[in-house]
Amino acid sequence: MARDPDSGRGDAFRNWFQGLPRTTRRVVGAVALIGGLGLWYAFLFAVDSWSGESPGWADPLDGMVGGIVGVGGFLWLQSRRLGGLGKARKFERARRRGRLPDDADPAEWGPLLDQAHRFQRGARSFAVAFTMVTAVAVVAVSAWAGYDWVVVVVIALIGVALVAVLDLASRRQTLRIRRLQEQVQDLQGR
């Protein structure tokens, strides 16, 4: 049986998971979360212990907390901005595939894509400016600290490369959003 191109990679798992009773879903989710955090902790602890020092049990926690807060904050903002996790999933799927869902409503997707386009422009400006300021600060501190000029130039080149990669990724996202906006305009014209 051929795979449906509109089904996402995680749709089978998501359908199975949503079909479970509520209590079982919570237990499976908690066990998966605790197991994943345990593996992550073990990996970070092993990396710390390979550095030659004897790490304390709390040493890996700062990296874990930072990652959890960062990813959780991003997911919360994304779902809030798009009106819920369901809409966020639909938006991401449409953005990745480059086409709107078959049941797309232009009245719903038009403002959503306009908002995404504005957000992408602002995020690109902020990310590029922040990365450039940080790179200049790191280069200045490195030069002031007495590092060799070769090291300072390498640090500056890494900063420039980072800015270029961020800008390229943002422009790619903006192009995908524009293509979706054109599809909404085609739907409105029908």
C-alpha atoms as a PDB file:
ATOM      1  CA  MET A   1       0.000   0.000   0.000  1.00  0.00           C
ATOM      2  CA  ALA A   2       1.444   3.373  -1.034  1.00  0.00           C
ATOM      3  CA  ARG A   3       2.145   5.952   1.622  1.00  0.00           C
ATOM      4  CA  ASP A   4      -0.118   8.985   1.580  1.00  0.00           C
ATOM      5  CA  PRO A   5       2.103  12.002   0.751  1.00  0.00           C
ATOM      6  CA  ASP A   6      -0.045  14.242   2.950  1.00  0.00           C
ATOM      7  CA  SER A   7       0.535  12.153   6.051  1.00  0.00           C
ATOM      8  CA  GLY A   8       3.368  13.354   8.241  1.00  0.00           C
ATOM      9  CA  ARG A   9       6.090  11.130   9.581  1.00  0.00           C
ATOM     10  CA  GLY A  10       4.628  11.174  13.058  1.00  0.00           C
ATOM     11  CA  ASP A  11       0.965  10.815  12.100  1.00  0.00           C
ATOM     12  CA  ALA A  12       0.786   7.067  12.791  1.00  0.00           C
ATOM     13  CA  PHE A  13       2.291   7.492  16.230  1.00  0.00           C
ATOM     14  CA  ARG A  14       0.166  10.576  16.920  1.00  0.00           C
ATOM     15  CA  ASN A  15      -3.014   8.692  15.922  1.00  0.00           C
ATOM     16  CA  TRP A  16      -2.040   5.728  18.123  1.00  0.00           C
ATOM     17  CA  PHE A  17      -1.223   8.026  21.023  1.00  0.00           C
ATOM     18  CA  GLN A  18      -4.458  10.029  20.685  1.00  0.00           C
ATOM     19  CA  GLY A  19      -6.423   6.749  20.610  1.00  0.00           C
ATOM     20  CA  LEU A  20      -5.205   5.765  24.070  1.00  0.00           C
ATOM     21  CA  PRO A  21      -7.362   6.466  27.137  1.00  0.00           C
ATOM     22  CA  ARG A  22      -6.562   9.766  28.861  1.00  0.00           C
ATOM     23  CA  THR A  23      -4.866   8.220  31.899  1.00  0.00           C
ATOM     24  CA  THR A  24      -2.769   5.885  29.754  1.00  0.00           C
ATOM     25  CA  ARG A  25      -1.717   8.839  27.584  1.00  0.00           C
ATOM     26  CA  ARG A  26      -0.537  10.714  30.658  1.00  0.00           C
ATOM     27  CA  VAL A  27       1.380   7.699  31.974  1.00  0.00           C
ATOM     28  CA  VAL A  28       3.011   7.002  28.580  1.00  0.00           C
ATOM     29  CA  GLY A  29       3.890  10.679  28.209  1.00  0.00           C
ATOM     30  CA  ALA A  30       5.368  10.888  31.714  1.00  0.00           C
ATOM     31  CA  VAL A  31       7.400   7.700  31.254  1.00  0.00           C
ATOM     32  CA  ALA A  32       8.704   8.903  27.875  1.00  0.00           C
ATOM     33  CA  LEU A  33       9.586  12.312  29.312  1.00  0.00           C
ATOM     34  CA  ILE A  34      11.346  10.881  32.373  1.00  0.00           C
ATOM     35  CA  GLY A  35      13.174   8.292  30.245  1.00  0.00           C
ATOM     36  CA  GLY A  36      14.312  10.931  27.754  1.00  0.00           C
ATOM     37  CA  LEU A  37      15.494  13.242  30.518  1.00  0.00           C
ATOM     38  CA  GLY A  38      17.320  10.319  32.161  1.00  0.00           C
ATOM     39  CA  LEU A  39      19.150   9.492  28.920  1.00  0.00           C
ATOM     40  CA  TRP A  40      19.984  13.151  28.399  1.00  0.00           C
ATOM     41  CA  TYR A  41      21.310  13.425  31.980  1.00  0.00           C
ATOM     42  CA  ALA A  42      23.401  10.263  31.561  1.00  0.00           C
ATOM     43  CA  PHE A  43      24.890  11.596  28.314  1.00  0.00           C
ATOM     44  CA  LEU A  44      25.768  14.973  29.854  1.00  0.00           C
ATOM     45  CA  PHE A  45      27.179  13.279  32.962  1.00  0.00           C
ATOM     46  CA  ALA A  46      29.347  11.020  30.782  1.00  0.00           C
ATOM     47  CA  VAL A  47      30.630  14.001  28.787  1.00  0.00           C
ATOM     48  CA  ASP A  48      31.469  15.828  32.032  1.00  0.00           C
ATOM     49  CA  SER A  49      33.265  12.796  33.440  1.00  0.00           C
ATOM     50  CA  TRP A  50      35.307  12.319  30.241  1.00  0.00           C
ATOM     51  CA  SER A  51      36.749  15.794  30.687  1.00  0.00           C
ATOM     52  CA  GLY A  52      39.009  14.357  33.408  1.00  0.00           C
ATOM     53  CA  GLU A  53      37.315  15.881  36.417  1.00  0.00           C
ATOM     54  CA  SER A  54      34.980  14.200  38.827  1.00  0.00           C
ATOM     55  CA  PRO A  55      31.640  15.916  38.182  1.00  0.00           C
ATOM     56  CA  GLY A  56      29.035  16.456  40.848  1.00  0.00           C
ATOM     57  CA  TRP A  57      25.576  15.004  40.353  1.00  0.00           C
ATOM     58  CA  ALA A  58      24.116  18.478  39.663  1.00  0.00           C
ATOM     59  CA  ASP A  59      26.684  19.564  37.061  1.00  0.00           C
ATOM     60  CA  PRO A  60      24.677  18.426  33.990  1.00  0.00           C
ATOM     61  CA  LEU A  61      21.472  20.029  35.248  1.00  0.00           C
ATOM     62  CA  ASP A  62      22.273  23.563  34.097  1.00  0.00           C
ATOM     63  CA  GLY A  63      22.475  22.436  30.455  1.00  0.00           C
ATOM     64  CA  MET A  64      19.274  20.434  30.815  1.00  0.00           C
ATOM     65  CA  VAL A  65      17.308  23.262  32.412  1.00  0.00           C
ATOM     66  CA  GLY A  66      18.511  25.733  29.778  1.00  0.00           C
ATOM     67  CA  GLY A  67      17.503  23.405  26.958  1.00  0.00           C
ATOM     68  CA  ILE A  68      14.108  22.630  28.463  1.00  0.00           C
ATOM     69  CA  VAL A  69      13.311  26.287  29.132  1.00  0.00           C
ATOM     70  CA  GLY A  70      14.475  27.329  25.648  1.00  0.00           C
ATOM     71  CA  VAL A  71      12.599  24.644  23.722  1.00  0.00           C
ATOM     72  CA  GLY A  72       9.522  24.872  25.940  1.00  0.00           C
ATOM     73  CA  GLY A  73       9.439  28.654  25.614  1.00  0.00           C
ATOM     74  CA  PHE A  74       9.756  28.467  21.835  1.00  0.00           C
ATOM     75  CA  LEU A  75       6.970  25.880  21.538  1.00  0.00           C
ATOM     76  CA  TRP A  76       4.716  27.894  23.843  1.00  0.00           C
ATOM     77  CA  LEU A  77       5.294  31.116  21.878  1.00  0.00           C
ATOM     78  CA  GLN A  78       4.824  29.353  18.540  1.00  0.00           C
ATOM     79  CA  SER A  79       1.567  27.693  19.555  1.00  0.00           C
ATOM     80  CA  ARG A  80       0.289  30.906  21.158  1.00  0.00           C
ATOM     81  CA  ARG A  81       1.172  32.975  18.094  1.00  0.00           C
ATOM     82  CA  LEU A  82      -0.576  30.543  15.762  1.00  0.00           C
ATOM     83  CA  GLY A  83      -3.619  29.891  17.950  1.00  0.00           C
ATOM     84  CA  GLY A  84      -2.860  26.445  19.378  1.00  0.00           C
ATOM     85  CA  LEU A  85      -0.729  23.383  18.741  1.00  0.00           C
ATOM     86  CA  GLY A  86      -3.086  22.040  16.067  1.00  0.00           C
ATOM     87  CA  LYS A  87      -2.737  25.175  13.952  1.00  0.00           C
ATOM     88  CA  ALA A  88       1.000  25.251  14.602  1.00  0.00           C
ATOM     89  CA  ARG A  89       1.306  21.703  13.247  1.00  0.00           C
ATOM     90  CA  LYS A  90      -0.772  22.556  10.166  1.00  0.00           C
ATOM     91  CA  PHE A  91       1.295  25.686   9.558  1.00  0.00           C
ATOM     92  CA  GLU A  92       4.615  23.848   9.886  1.00  0.00           C
ATOM     93  CA  ARG A  93       3.426  21.044   7.623  1.00  0.00           C
ATOM     94  CA  ALA A  94       2.274  23.537   4.970  1.00  0.00           C
ATOM     95  CA  ARG A  95       5.499  25.525   5.253  1.00  0.00           C
ATOM     96  CA  ARG A  96       7.685  22.414   4.910  1.00  0.00           C
ATOM     97  CA  ARG A  97       5.740  20.998   1.961  1.00  0.00           C
ATOM     98  CA  GLY A  98       5.281  24.294   0.207  1.00  0.00           C
ATOM     99  CA  ARG A  99       1.533  23.943  -0.265  1.00  0.00           C
ATOM    100  CA  LEU A 100      -1.591  24.684   1.671  1.00  0.00           C
ATOM    101  CA  PRO A 101      -3.841  21.934   2.988  1.00  0.00           C
ATOM    102  CA  ASP A 102      -6.706  20.951   0.692  1.00  0.00           C
ATOM    103  CA  ASP A 103      -9.273  22.383   3.116  1.00  0.00           C
ATOM    104  CA  ALA A 104      -7.428  25.703   3.554  1.00  0.00           C
ATOM    105  CA  ASP A 105      -9.692  28.675   4.242  1.00  0.00           C
ATOM    106  CA  PRO A 106      -8.243  31.886   2.738  1.00  0.00           C
ATOM    107  CA  ALA A 107      -9.858  33.958   5.496  1.00  0.00           C
ATOM    108  CA  GLU A 108      -7.914  31.956   8.087  1.00  0.00           C
ATOM    109  CA  TRP A 109      -4.622  31.397   6.258  1.00  0.00           C
ATOM    110  CA  GLY A 110      -4.246  34.906   4.796  1.00  0.00           C
ATOM    111  CA  PRO A 111      -3.846  36.734   8.126  1.00  0.00           C
ATOM    112  CA  LEU A 112      -1.854  33.832   9.561  1.00  0.00           C
ATOM    113  CA  LEU A 113       0.691  33.985   6.729  1.00  0.00           C
ATOM    114  CA  ASP A 114       0.834  37.793   6.875  1.00  0.00           C
ATOM    115  CA  GLN A 115       1.626  37.554  10.582  1.00  0.00           C
ATOM    116  CA  ALA A 116       4.243  34.854   9.939  1.00  0.00           C
ATOM    117  CA  HIS A 117       5.848  37.015   7.249  1.00  0.00           C
ATOM    118  CA  ARG A 118       6.040  40.040   9.589  1.00  0.00           C
ATOM    119  CA  PHE A 119       7.419  37.867  12.383  1.00  0.00           C
ATOM    120  CA  GLN A 120      10.060  36.380  10.082  1.00  0.00           C
ATOM    121  CA  ARG A 121      11.236  39.824   8.977  1.00  0.00           C
ATOM    122  CA  GLY A 122      11.488  41.032  12.573  1.00  0.00           C
ATOM    123  CA  ALA A 123      13.174  37.846  13.736  1.00  0.00           C
ATOM    124  CA  ARG A 124      15.722  38.063  10.921  1.00  0.00           C
ATOM    125  CA  SER A 125      16.554  41.662  11.742  1.00  0.00           C
ATOM    126  CA  PHE A 126      16.875  40.908  15.441  1.00  0.00           C
ATOM    127  CA  ALA A 127      18.934  37.732  14.959  1.00  0.00           C
ATOM    128  CA  VAL A 128      21.351  39.330  12.513  1.00  0.00           C
ATOM    129  CA  ALA A 129      21.780  42.445  14.674  1.00  0.00           C
ATOM    130  CA  PHE A 130      22.198  40.417  17.875  1.00  0.00           C
ATOM    131  CA  THR A 131      24.693  38.049  16.265  1.00  0.00           C
ATOM    132  CA  MET A 132      26.702  40.923  14.791  1.00  0.00           C
ATOM    133  CA  VAL A 133      26.830  42.791  18.124  1.00  0.00           C
ATOM    134  CA  THR A 134      27.822  39.595  19.919  1.00  0.00           C
ATOM    135  CA  ALA A 135      30.524  38.824  17.340  1.00  0.00           C
ATOM    136  CA  VAL A 136      31.943  42.348  17.605  1.00  0.00           C
ATOM    137  CA  ALA A 137      31.924  42.088  21.402  1.00  0.00           C
ATOM    138  CA  VAL A 138      33.644  38.683  21.360  1.00  0.00           C
ATOM    139  CA  VAL A 139      36.284  39.939  18.904  1.00  0.00           C
ATOM    140  CA  ALA A 140      36.867  43.070  20.999  1.00  0.00           C
ATOM    141  CA  VAL A 141      37.172  41.080  24.232  1.00  0.00           C
ATOM    142  CA  SER A 142      39.464  38.543  22.540  1.00  0.00           C
ATOM    143  CA  ALA A 143      41.723  41.291  21.221  1.00  0.00           C
ATOM    144  CA  TRP A 144      41.704  43.093  24.586  1.00  0.00           C
ATOM    145  CA  ALA A 145      42.527  39.838  26.417  1.00  0.00           C
ATOM    146  CA  GLY A 146      45.710  39.549  24.377  1.00  0.00           C
ATOM    147  CA  TYR A 147      44.876  36.700  22.044  1.00  0.00           C
ATOM    148  CA  ASP A 148      46.949  36.402  18.895  1.00  0.00           C
ATOM    149  CA  TRP A 149      45.517  38.294  15.909  1.00  0.00           C
ATOM    150  CA  VAL A 150      45.006  34.992  14.030  1.00  0.00           C
ATOM    151  CA  VAL A 151      42.645  33.787  16.771  1.00  0.00           C
ATOM    152  CA  VAL A 152      40.763  37.089  16.698  1.00  0.00           C
ATOM    153  CA  VAL A 153      40.378  36.885  12.898  1.00  0.00           C
ATOM    154  CA  VAL A 154      39.138  33.285  13.131  1.00  0.00           C
ATOM    155  CA  ILE A 155      36.577  34.326  15.768  1.00  0.00           C
ATOM    156  CA  ALA A 156      35.455  37.217  13.540  1.00  0.00           C
ATOM    157  CA  LEU A 157      35.102  34.893  10.526  1.00  0.00           C
ATOM    158  CA  ILE A 158      33.032  32.455  12.593  1.00  0.00           C
ATOM    159  CA  GLY A 159      30.752  35.366  13.557  1.00  0.00           C
ATOM    160  CA  VAL A 160      30.382  36.455   9.925  1.00  0.00           C
ATOM    161  CA  ALA A 161      29.631  32.872   8.861  1.00  0.00           C
ATOM    162  CA  LEU A 162      27.009  32.592  11.597  1.00  0.00           C
ATOM    163  CA  VAL A 163      25.318  35.803  10.451  1.00  0.00           C
ATOM    164  CA  ALA A 164      25.328  34.552   6.850  1.00  0.00           C
ATOM    165  CA  VAL A 165      23.796  31.205   7.799  1.00  0.00           C
ATOM    166  CA  LEU A 166      21.089  32.869   9.910  1.00  0.00           C
ATOM    167  CA  ASP A 167      20.255  35.300   7.122  1.00  0.00           C
ATOM    168  CA  LEU A 168      20.141  32.527   4.501  1.00  0.00           C
ATOM    169  CA  ALA A 169      17.860  30.358   6.646  1.00  0.00           C
ATOM    170  CA  SER A 170      15.562  33.291   7.328  1.00  0.00           C
ATOM    171  CA  ARG A 171      15.359  34.242   3.655  1.00  0.00           C
ATOM    172  CA  ARG A 172      14.494  30.633   2.814  1.00  0.00           C
ATOM    173  CA  GLN A 173      11.650  30.666   5.353  1.00  0.00           C
ATOM    174  CA  THR A 174      10.422  33.998   4.004  1.00  0.00           C
ATOM    175  CA  LEU A 175      10.392  32.591   0.458  1.00  0.00           C
ATOM    176  CA  ARG A 176       8.354  29.578   1.601  1.00  0.00           C
ATOM    177  CA  ILE A 177       5.854  31.847   3.338  1.00  0.00           C
ATOM    178  CA  ARG A 178       5.544  34.033   0.230  1.00  0.00           C
ATOM    179  CA  ARG A 179       4.782  30.962  -1.896  1.00  0.00           C
ATOM    180  CA  LEU A 180       2.024  30.003   0.538  1.00  0.00           C
ATOM    181  CA  GLN A 181       0.691  33.572   0.372  1.00  0.00           C
ATOM    182  CA  GLU A 182       0.518  33.286  -3.421  1.00  0.00           C
ATOM    183  CA  GLN A 183      -1.502  30.088  -3.032  1.00  0.00           C
ATOM    184  CA  VAL A 184      -3.923  31.905  -0.708  1.00  0.00           C
ATOM    185  CA  GLN A 185      -4.315  34.645  -3.317  1.00  0.00           C
ATOM    186  CA  ASP A 186      -5.039  31.976  -5.956  1.00  0.00           C
ATOM    187  CA  LEU A 187      -7.710  30.491  -3.664  1.00  0.00           C
ATOM    188  CA  GLN A 188      -9.288  33.920  -3.173  1.00  0.00           C
ATOM    189  CA  GLY A 189      -9.334  34.495  -6.941  1.00  0.00           C
ATOM    190  CA  ARG A 190     -11.402  31.345  -7.565  1.00  0.00           C
END
